[in-house]
Structure formats: C-alpha cells, structure tokens
Amino acid sequence: MLKQYYKILGVSPNVNEEDLKKAYRKLALKFHPDVNPAPDAHQQFLAICEAYEVILAEIKSETIISISVKDIQKEDLINAEQIFREARERAAARARMKYEKMKAEKEFFQNNDFFILLRYIGNYLAVALTLLLLLGPVYIAIKQDPSVIVISIFLWIMGYILLSHIYSRRKTWFRPGKIDTTWKDIINFFKIEIIENPVDNCFYTKNKEANSTPFRFTLFKVKDVKLKNYGGAMHAASFKRKYKDVFIPRSSKAGRMHFVLSFFKPLAFVSGLLLLPVASFPWRFLLSYFLALFLARIILFLGHTKGKSEFLVTPFMLIKLSIWILIIISQTTLYQGLVLFTSIRLYAFLVVLLLFLDMILDLVLSQFSFYRKMQSPVFKQPKKVQNLFGEGYQNYLDIPIWSSLYPFFRALI
C-alpha cells in the first residue's frame, strides 16, 4: 500500500523528510481546490495530503508499513492501521487549509528565511557563549575568586566542544543563507485561518467550535535501546524514536490568544531583564521568567482560555525546577532592603545542573513504580494525549542541556 502513496507524490521509497515536503508542497499547490477547477480536485488534494502524512509517519517512526504481506503479525497490522487512521485524520485537517495560507507556508518554510534568521542569531550568540565559557572563569578568578578555576572544568569542556563545532563549520558559520522573504509573506503566514463548518469543539475555550488551525505538537517514545561495551572507556548506546504528531482542535479565539501571547511573553521576559531592580542576574533572570508566565496566565484567565504549553508541566519538570531554585537560594545572600547577592560559584553549579541533573534524577526515580507517571502532564489534556503519555511518550529527550533549555523556551513562546 505504501507503493501507492509513493506513486501519488512521485517520490522514491528512500526519500528523506525534506524532499518529501518539497514534493508534497509542489503538488498541493497545483491541485488545491481553490485554484484547480477540476471536479475531482478535492479528492486529488485529499489523496496528496494522505500520502504525505502516511509517508511522513513512516519516516519518523522508522517503521516499515506493509499490510499486504500474508504472514504479517496481528500486532503489526494493528499498528499499521492505527498509523493509516491517524494519517487520514491529519490529512483531513490539512485538506481544510486555504490555498493562500498554504502558499505562504510553503514560501516561508521552503525558503527557510525565518530559520536562516534564527541561525544567524544563534551562530553569533554561540560565538559569544564560547568566549564566555572559555575566558569568563579566568577573568572571574583573576578579579574575584581564584577557586572558580577549580570548579570551572565543565565550562571549559563545553567551551571546547562549541569551539570545535564552530571551527568545523567556519566557512559558512557567519553566512548560513540568504534571506529574501517579503513583509507580505510574513503577514500572510501569521493570518489566523478560519475553517468553515467545523466539526470539533475547541479544547482551549468552552462552548467554542474549533474553527481555526489546530495546535500541533510532537510526542515521541524511545525504543530499541542498545548498549555496547568495547572495553575500558569504549562504550556506545543507540536507540530509535517513534514520533506522534498531535493535533488539538482550537477556536479562532484561542488561536488569537496563543498568537498574541507568543509575542507578549518573550517581550515581558526581556523587559523584566532590563527593568527589574535586582542586582543578581540569576535572580533577575528567574523573576523575569516567572513574571512573564504569571502575566500570561492572568491574560488567559481573563480570556477564559487554556494555555497551549500546559502539557510541558510534569512532576519531573517541577522536581527539576525545585532543585534549580534550591541551588540558587543556597548560593544567595540576602541583605537589608531585599538585596539579593549570589556567589560567583553559582555559575559553575548551574553548568553542573545542566550536564548532570536529568541523568541523576532518571537513575534515582526510575527505581520506583511511579516513574512513568512523572512524565505525564499535571494539567488535564485531551484523552488521546493522556493515553500517549500513559504509553510512554514524552515531550522531549532527557539529555544534558537540551532537557533544561527546551521546556524553558517552549513555555516562553
């Protein structure tokens, strides 16, 4: 059956995700019912969407879907049927996308201008971070506390890794691409789509129909973990990830609220960093972050709307956050007038938390039977999402640095 889908999109069985998206967008824009007068344009467009979703699911899950083999196991058949069913649901939602919206999305993402801009910002910030990690401890040791040199080995390791990464890509690091998106493209991309004759109710607002683009996020489950030992200091680990794209029905009201807050929260956070009268940068950073989330929560409450990032709040994340706050408090001195002063050693401790906290917590909490529930959201989610978390799916990979930074940035936007 997969052969039929590959034929519809005109791609080979070993196609990668990027080429698949290019083939899909090319055909989707050609056969979209808004511009194609053919009587069967809608059916052709729906078939294109379904083919794209099924092949994309096959690529992401790294599972070969083949229900035509006679000796296929029953479990594999059920999994294949589930993948097809979910792909058709996503295809139906995708087929409701207006042509102008799809065209703007295609131009925006295929040209990668937005992501090129992010790479420009990220690459320059990475250079500054590398210099800070390598030279910062030396400067602090000379000016304030020589003991910082001893506990800054982790900073130098991270700085060396970043420096090696930048040097290996030195030819294109400061020139990641050309930006040619126009303001019209950006405006079209951010328009709130209104769906006619919606069939679902909005999850984020009560008594509202889901007449806008659903909120989409991806969950994954780690599987096929393999550990190999080749002798002293020679170990290797490999694993696969199975992805699930989740679409939560959303009303135009919720879509507008989420859109506005995606700009408001970062703005409030940066404003707090610049304006809060707190001398200690770690505390100013922490207070600005929670202030931005608190103000966003008030806006959502007044608008009778649920936040789109509530699925990030899990018991595991709350435990991590508590440990971070306790470490910061342990390195803080309170002076009269509520003046907070943090020890210079705090920055080294924070790097240690970035590198090892998730690993230690995983080792400790995995010994208990309730460990799987630690990754489930605290706030109520749609039943389908709750079931996925119960099956072992999670928001992000628990690896050093990424597992701390991802929920922070995701909740902020």
Protein backbone atom coordinates (compact mmCIF):
# COMPACT_ATOMS: atom_id res chain seq x y z
CA MET A 1 0.00 0.00 0.00
CA LEU A 2 2.94 2.31 0.61
CA LYS A 3 3.90 1.94 -3.06
CA GLN A 4 0.65 3.66 -3.99
CA TYR A 5 1.44 6.61 -1.72
CA TYR A 6 4.96 6.95 -3.10
CA LYS A 7 3.48 6.92 -6.61
CA ILE A 8 0.98 9.68 -5.75
CA LEU A 9 3.75 12.01 -4.62
CA GLY A 10 6.24 10.83 -7.23
CA VAL A 11 8.98 10.04 -4.71
CA SER A 12 11.20 7.02 -4.15
CA PRO A 13 10.88 4.69 -1.11
CA ASN A 14 14.13 6.03 0.36
CA VAL A 15 13.00 9.66 0.23
CA ASN A 16 14.03 11.84 3.17
CA GLU A 17 11.74 14.23 5.05
CA GLU A 18 12.98 17.40 3.35
CA ASP A 19 12.47 16.05 -0.20
CA LEU A 20 9.10 14.63 0.81
CA LYS A 21 7.93 18.06 1.95
CA LYS A 22 9.12 19.66 -1.29
CA ALA A 23 7.23 17.10 -3.39
CA TYR A 24 4.09 17.50 -1.29
CA ARG A 25 4.04 21.29 -1.41
CA LYS A 26 4.58 21.32 -5.17
CA LEU A 27 1.62 19.01 -5.80
CA ALA A 28 -0.59 20.50 -3.09
CA LEU A 29 -0.32 23.99 -4.54
CA LYS A 30 -1.05 22.62 -8.01
CA PHE A 31 -4.14 20.55 -7.11
CA HIS A 32 -5.60 22.68 -4.31
CA PRO A 33 -9.39 23.03 -4.90
CA ASP A 34 -9.12 26.82 -4.55
CA VAL A 35 -7.12 27.05 -7.78
CA ASN A 36 -7.86 23.77 -9.58
CA PRO A 37 -11.26 23.80 -11.36
CA ALA A 38 -11.32 20.03 -11.95
CA PRO A 39 -14.41 18.28 -10.48
CA ASP A 40 -12.24 15.78 -8.58
CA ALA A 41 -9.74 18.39 -7.35
CA HIS A 42 -10.80 17.94 -3.73
CA GLN A 43 -10.31 14.16 -3.88
CA GLN A 44 -6.94 14.54 -5.58
CA PHE A 45 -5.84 17.06 -2.98
CA LEU A 46 -7.02 14.83 -0.13
CA ALA A 47 -5.11 11.87 -1.62
CA ILE A 48 -1.95 14.01 -1.79
CA CYS A 49 -2.37 15.05 1.85
CA GLU A 50 -2.98 11.45 2.94
CA ALA A 51 0.06 10.17 1.03
CA TYR A 52 2.23 12.84 2.60
CA GLU A 53 1.05 12.14 6.16
CA VAL A 54 1.44 8.35 5.83
CA ILE A 55 4.94 8.51 4.34
CA LEU A 56 5.97 11.15 6.88
CA ALA A 57 4.73 8.91 9.70
CA GLU A 58 6.71 6.02 8.21
CA ILE A 59 9.88 8.13 8.04
CA LYS A 60 9.55 9.48 11.58
CA SER A 61 8.62 6.20 13.25
CA GLU A 62 11.25 4.27 11.27
CA THR A 63 8.62 1.55 10.88
CA ILE A 64 8.09 -0.24 7.58
CA ILE A 65 4.35 -0.28 6.95
CA SER A 66 3.31 -3.23 4.84
CA ILE A 67 -0.15 -4.71 5.26
CA SER A 68 -0.06 -6.69 2.03
CA VAL A 69 2.34 -9.35 3.35
CA LYS A 70 0.41 -12.52 4.16
CA ASP A 71 2.36 -13.54 7.22
CA ILE A 72 2.25 -10.11 8.88
CA GLN A 73 1.76 -10.31 12.64
CA LYS A 74 -1.51 -9.14 14.14
CA GLU A 75 0.23 -6.51 16.28
CA ASP A 76 1.97 -5.07 13.22
CA LEU A 77 -1.36 -4.93 11.38
CA ILE A 78 -2.96 -3.03 14.26
CA ASN A 79 -0.06 -0.60 14.38
CA ALA A 80 -0.23 -0.08 10.61
CA GLU A 81 -3.97 0.52 10.72
CA GLN A 82 -3.51 2.99 13.55
CA ILE A 83 -0.86 4.87 11.57
CA PHE A 84 -3.11 4.98 8.49
CA ARG A 85 -6.10 6.13 10.54
CA GLU A 86 -4.16 8.91 12.28
CA ALA A 87 -2.58 9.94 8.97
CA ARG A 88 -6.03 10.25 7.38
CA GLU A 89 -7.19 12.40 10.29
CA ARG A 90 -4.22 14.72 9.85
CA ALA A 91 -4.75 14.72 6.08
CA ALA A 92 -8.38 15.80 6.55
CA ALA A 93 -7.25 18.68 8.77
CA ARG A 94 -4.55 19.62 6.27
CA ALA A 95 -7.03 19.49 3.37
CA ARG A 96 -9.08 22.23 5.03
CA MET A 97 -6.13 24.63 4.77
CA LYS A 98 -6.81 27.56 2.47
CA TYR A 99 -4.68 27.97 -0.63
CA GLU A 100 -3.22 31.37 0.34
CA LYS A 101 -2.31 30.05 3.77
CA MET A 102 -0.63 27.00 2.23
CA LYS A 103 1.21 29.14 -0.32
CA ALA A 104 2.50 31.45 2.39
CA GLU A 105 3.58 28.47 4.49
CA LYS A 106 5.35 26.92 1.53
CA GLU A 107 7.23 30.09 0.70
CA PHE A 108 8.05 30.75 4.32
CA PHE A 109 9.40 27.30 5.16
CA GLN A 110 10.76 26.16 1.80
CA ASN A 111 12.90 29.27 1.54
CA ASN A 112 13.78 28.81 5.22
CA ASP A 113 14.17 32.56 5.70
CA PHE A 114 12.83 32.55 9.24
CA PHE A 115 15.07 29.67 10.21
CA ILE A 116 18.03 31.23 8.42
CA LEU A 117 17.48 34.34 10.57
CA LEU A 118 17.39 32.18 13.68
CA ARG A 119 20.63 30.52 12.58
CA TYR A 120 22.25 33.93 12.13
CA ILE A 121 21.25 34.91 15.66
CA GLY A 122 22.13 31.53 17.13
CA ASN A 123 25.52 31.33 15.41
CA TYR A 124 26.63 34.74 16.62
CA LEU A 125 25.36 34.04 20.12
CA ALA A 126 27.22 30.72 20.07
CA VAL A 127 30.49 32.56 19.43
CA ALA A 128 29.82 34.90 22.35
CA LEU A 129 28.87 31.94 24.57
CA THR A 130 32.06 30.09 23.59
CA LEU A 131 34.23 33.05 24.57
CA LEU A 132 32.30 33.42 27.81
CA LEU A 133 32.75 29.76 28.72
CA LEU A 134 36.47 29.76 27.94
CA LEU A 135 37.54 33.20 29.18
CA GLY A 136 34.89 34.02 31.77
CA PRO A 137 36.24 31.74 34.53
CA VAL A 138 39.77 33.11 34.02
CA TYR A 139 38.56 36.71 34.32
CA ILE A 140 36.50 35.93 37.43
CA ALA A 141 39.40 34.04 39.03
CA ILE A 142 41.74 37.00 38.49
CA LYS A 143 39.27 39.64 39.64
CA GLN A 144 37.34 37.92 42.42
CA ASP A 145 37.75 34.26 43.41
CA PRO A 146 40.69 32.03 42.35
CA SER A 147 38.77 28.91 43.43
CA VAL A 148 36.50 29.35 40.41
CA ILE A 149 39.29 27.91 38.24
CA VAL A 150 38.97 24.56 40.02
CA ILE A 151 35.23 24.19 39.54
CA SER A 152 35.15 25.60 36.00
CA ILE A 153 36.38 22.46 34.25
CA PHE A 154 32.84 21.85 32.97
CA LEU A 155 32.70 25.34 31.49
CA TRP A 156 35.92 24.72 29.58
CA ILE A 157 34.70 21.36 28.33
CA MET A 158 31.53 22.93 26.96
CA GLY A 159 33.50 25.84 25.52
CA TYR A 160 35.91 23.46 23.78
CA ILE A 161 33.02 21.46 22.30
CA LEU A 162 31.36 24.63 20.98
CA LEU A 163 34.66 25.96 19.63
CA SER A 164 35.33 22.68 17.79
CA HIS A 165 31.81 22.74 16.34
CA ILE A 166 32.16 26.34 15.12
CA TYR A 167 35.63 25.73 13.67
CA SER A 168 34.45 22.68 11.71
CA ARG A 169 31.80 24.88 10.06
CA ARG A 170 33.86 28.07 9.87
CA LYS A 171 33.28 28.62 6.12
CA THR A 172 29.51 29.02 6.47
CA TRP A 173 29.09 29.78 10.18
CA PHE A 174 28.61 33.54 9.69
CA ARG A 175 26.82 33.12 6.34
CA PRO A 176 24.16 30.43 6.89
CA GLY A 177 21.98 31.57 3.99
CA LYS A 178 20.24 34.39 2.14
CA ILE A 179 17.03 35.97 3.43
CA ASP A 180 14.57 37.13 0.75
CA THR A 181 11.15 36.83 2.42
CA THR A 182 8.95 39.91 1.98
CA TRP A 183 6.75 41.54 4.59
CA LYS A 184 3.68 40.33 2.67
CA ASP A 185 4.85 36.73 3.02
CA ILE A 186 5.28 37.15 6.75
CA ILE A 187 1.86 38.81 7.18
CA ASN A 188 0.13 36.05 5.17
CA PHE A 189 1.83 33.37 7.20
CA PHE A 190 0.63 34.78 10.52
CA LYS A 191 -3.00 35.30 9.48
CA ILE A 192 -5.45 33.35 11.60
CA GLU A 193 -7.21 30.82 9.40
CA ILE A 194 -10.97 30.43 9.78
CA ILE A 195 -12.38 27.00 8.92
CA GLU A 196 -15.94 26.86 7.59
CA ASN A 197 -18.31 24.24 9.01
CA PRO A 198 -16.04 23.00 11.85
CA VAL A 199 -16.74 19.51 13.17
CA ASP A 200 -14.96 19.61 16.55
CA ASN A 201 -15.20 21.67 19.72
CA CYS A 202 -12.26 23.76 20.86
CA PHE A 203 -10.24 22.22 23.69
CA TYR A 204 -8.91 25.56 24.92
CA THR A 205 -12.16 27.55 25.19
CA LYS A 206 -15.54 26.35 26.41
CA ASN A 207 -18.57 26.42 24.13
CA LYS A 208 -16.48 27.37 21.10
CA GLU A 209 -16.21 25.49 17.82
CA ALA A 210 -12.77 24.53 16.53
CA ASN A 211 -12.92 26.86 13.53
CA SER A 212 -9.18 27.60 13.33
CA THR A 213 -5.90 25.81 12.73
CA PRO A 214 -5.40 23.11 15.38
CA PHE A 215 -2.48 23.37 17.76
CA ARG A 216 0.16 20.86 16.79
CA PHE A 217 2.97 19.36 18.82
CA THR A 218 5.01 16.18 18.60
CA LEU A 219 5.49 13.45 21.18
CA PHE A 220 7.95 10.62 20.90
CA LYS A 221 8.84 7.36 22.59
CA VAL A 222 12.33 5.92 22.89
CA LYS A 223 12.57 2.30 21.77
CA ASP A 224 15.12 -0.35 20.82
CA VAL A 225 17.76 0.90 23.25
CA LYS A 226 21.03 -0.98 22.70
CA LEU A 227 24.17 -0.73 24.81
CA LYS A 228 27.53 -1.95 23.57
CA ASN A 229 30.77 -2.35 25.51
CA TYR A 230 34.04 -2.48 23.58
CA GLY A 231 36.32 -2.39 26.61
CA GLY A 232 37.55 0.26 29.00
CA ALA A 233 36.28 3.78 28.17
CA MET A 234 34.77 2.42 24.94
CA HIS A 235 31.01 2.26 25.22
CA ALA A 236 28.22 3.05 22.82
CA ALA A 237 24.47 3.44 23.07
CA SER A 238 21.90 3.57 20.29
CA PHE A 239 18.14 3.94 20.22
CA LYS A 240 15.24 4.78 17.95
CA ARG A 241 12.43 7.24 18.45
CA LYS A 242 8.83 6.75 17.42
CA TYR A 243 7.01 10.04 16.80
CA LYS A 244 3.37 11.01 17.16
CA ASP A 245 2.05 14.30 15.81
CA VAL A 246 -0.79 15.55 17.99
CA PHE A 247 -3.42 17.95 16.66
CA ILE A 248 -5.63 19.64 19.29
CA PRO A 249 -8.78 21.39 17.98
CA ARG A 250 -8.68 25.13 18.52
CA SER A 251 -11.07 28.03 18.00
CA SER A 252 -10.14 31.31 16.33
CA LYS A 253 -10.37 33.00 19.73
CA ALA A 254 -7.85 30.58 21.26
CA GLY A 255 -5.65 30.86 18.18
CA ARG A 256 -5.52 34.65 18.51
CA MET A 257 -4.84 34.46 22.25
CA HIS A 258 -2.00 32.00 21.74
CA PHE A 259 -0.59 34.04 18.88
CA VAL A 260 -0.55 37.28 20.90
CA LEU A 261 1.00 35.59 23.93
CA SER A 262 3.75 34.10 21.78
CA PHE A 263 5.00 37.68 21.38
CA PHE A 264 3.91 39.05 24.74
CA LYS A 265 5.75 36.51 26.92
CA PRO A 266 9.21 37.00 25.35
CA LEU A 267 8.67 40.78 25.43
CA ALA A 268 7.68 40.67 29.11
CA PHE A 269 10.68 38.46 29.87
CA VAL A 270 13.19 40.77 28.15
CA SER A 271 11.57 43.81 29.78
CA GLY A 272 11.99 42.18 33.18
CA LEU A 273 15.68 41.50 32.49
CA LEU A 274 16.20 45.17 31.64
CA LEU A 275 13.96 46.86 34.21
CA LEU A 276 13.69 44.74 37.38
CA PRO A 277 15.79 46.35 40.17
CA VAL A 278 17.58 43.12 41.13
CA ALA A 279 21.40 43.18 41.25
CA SER A 280 21.89 39.41 40.89
CA PHE A 281 21.50 38.34 37.26
CA PRO A 282 20.35 34.73 38.07
CA TRP A 283 17.58 36.10 40.26
CA ARG A 284 16.65 38.78 37.73
CA PHE A 285 16.51 36.08 35.06
CA LEU A 286 14.36 33.80 37.22
CA LEU A 287 11.99 36.54 38.37
CA SER A 288 11.58 37.87 34.82
CA TYR A 289 10.71 34.43 33.54
CA PHE A 290 8.07 33.73 36.18
CA LEU A 291 6.69 37.25 35.84
CA ALA A 292 6.18 36.71 32.10
CA LEU A 293 4.39 33.39 32.72
CA PHE A 294 2.30 34.89 35.53
CA LEU A 295 1.12 37.82 33.38
CA ALA A 296 0.32 35.43 30.53
CA ARG A 297 -1.70 33.29 32.95
CA ILE A 298 -3.72 36.33 34.01
CA ILE A 299 -4.48 37.19 30.38
CA LEU A 300 -5.56 33.62 29.67
CA PHE A 301 -7.74 33.60 32.80
CA LEU A 302 -9.46 36.85 31.84
CA GLY A 303 -9.96 35.49 28.30
CA HIS A 304 -11.33 32.16 29.60
CA THR A 305 -8.75 30.29 27.55
CA LYS A 306 -6.30 27.49 28.36
CA GLY A 307 -2.60 27.87 27.61
CA LYS A 308 -1.12 25.88 24.74
CA SER A 309 2.02 24.86 26.68
CA GLU A 310 0.41 23.29 29.74
CA PHE A 311 1.43 19.82 28.56
CA LEU A 312 5.04 20.77 29.45
CA VAL A 313 4.27 20.92 33.17
CA THR A 314 5.05 17.45 34.54
CA PRO A 315 6.03 16.24 38.04
CA PHE A 316 9.52 15.51 36.68
CA MET A 317 9.90 19.09 35.45
CA LEU A 318 8.62 20.52 38.75
CA ILE A 319 11.18 18.46 40.69
CA LYS A 320 13.97 19.73 38.42
CA LEU A 321 12.79 23.31 38.80
CA SER A 322 12.68 22.95 42.61
CA ILE A 323 16.27 21.70 42.66
CA TRP A 324 17.42 24.60 40.46
CA ILE A 325 15.73 27.11 42.77
CA LEU A 326 17.16 25.47 45.91
CA ILE A 327 20.68 25.59 44.47
CA ILE A 328 20.27 29.27 43.60
CA ILE A 329 18.94 30.00 47.10
CA SER A 330 21.87 28.13 48.69
CA GLN A 331 24.30 30.43 46.87
CA THR A 332 22.37 33.63 47.68
CA THR A 333 22.91 36.15 50.48
CA LEU A 334 20.03 38.42 51.48
CA TYR A 335 20.94 41.91 52.60
CA GLN A 336 18.74 44.59 54.11
CA GLY A 337 16.29 46.11 51.69
CA LEU A 338 15.69 42.76 49.95
CA VAL A 339 19.00 42.98 48.11
CA LEU A 340 19.97 39.58 46.69
CA PHE A 341 23.62 38.76 46.07
CA THR A 342 24.69 35.42 44.58
CA SER A 343 28.07 33.75 44.92
CA ILE A 344 30.27 33.63 41.86
CA ARG A 345 30.41 29.83 42.32
CA LEU A 346 26.74 29.65 41.40
CA TYR A 347 27.50 29.73 37.67
CA ALA A 348 29.65 26.62 37.94
CA PHE A 349 26.89 24.86 39.87
CA LEU A 350 24.38 25.81 37.18
CA VAL A 351 26.58 24.23 34.50
CA VAL A 352 26.78 21.04 36.57
CA LEU A 353 22.97 21.02 36.78
CA LEU A 354 22.72 21.46 33.02
CA LEU A 355 25.01 18.49 32.42
CA PHE A 356 24.05 16.00 35.13
CA LEU A 357 20.71 16.78 36.82
CA ASP A 358 18.48 14.86 34.38
CA MET A 359 20.83 11.90 34.38
CA ILE A 360 20.86 11.66 38.18
CA LEU A 361 17.11 12.14 38.52
CA ASP A 362 16.46 9.47 35.89
CA LEU A 363 18.71 6.99 37.70
CA VAL A 364 17.03 7.67 41.05
CA LEU A 365 13.37 7.96 40.03
CA SER A 366 13.45 5.06 37.55
CA GLN A 367 13.75 2.70 40.51
CA PHE A 368 10.18 3.49 41.56
CA SER A 369 6.96 2.19 40.02
CA PHE A 370 5.50 5.68 39.61
CA TYR A 371 8.37 6.81 37.33
CA ARG A 372 6.30 6.72 34.12
CA LYS A 373 3.66 8.97 35.67
CA MET A 374 6.38 11.53 36.37
CA GLN A 375 6.39 12.41 32.65
CA SER A 376 2.61 12.91 32.40
CA PRO A 377 1.21 16.47 32.38
CA VAL A 378 -0.09 17.91 35.63
CA PHE A 379 -2.84 19.83 33.85
CA LYS A 380 -5.66 17.94 32.16
CA GLN A 381 -5.07 17.18 28.49
CA PRO A 382 -7.28 15.63 25.78
CA LYS A 383 -7.88 11.94 26.38
CA LYS A 384 -5.84 10.93 23.35
CA VAL A 385 -2.86 12.92 24.61
CA GLN A 386 -3.18 11.45 28.11
CA ASN A 387 -3.21 7.95 26.62
CA LEU A 388 0.00 8.66 24.69
CA PHE A 389 1.76 9.79 27.85
CA GLY A 390 0.48 6.64 29.56
CA GLU A 391 2.05 4.58 26.77
CA GLY A 392 5.47 6.08 27.49
CA TYR A 393 5.51 9.01 25.06
CA GLN A 394 7.18 12.21 26.24
CA ASN A 395 7.70 15.85 25.29
CA TYR A 396 11.43 15.96 24.77
CA LEU A 397 14.57 13.85 25.07
CA ASP A 398 16.15 13.78 28.54
CA ILE A 399 19.69 14.68 27.59
CA PRO A 400 22.04 17.24 29.15
CA ILE A 401 21.36 20.91 28.37
CA TRP A 402 18.55 20.21 25.87
CA SER A 403 16.16 18.84 28.50
CA SER A 404 16.59 22.01 30.55
CA LEU A 405 16.51 24.56 27.73
CA TYR A 406 13.70 23.07 25.60
CA PRO A 407 10.80 23.39 28.11
CA PHE A 408 12.06 26.85 29.08
CA PHE A 409 11.92 28.21 25.53
CA ARG A 410 8.79 26.24 24.59
CA ALA A 411 6.83 27.64 27.53
CA LEU A 412 8.02 31.15 26.73
CA ILE A 413 6.75 31.11 23.13
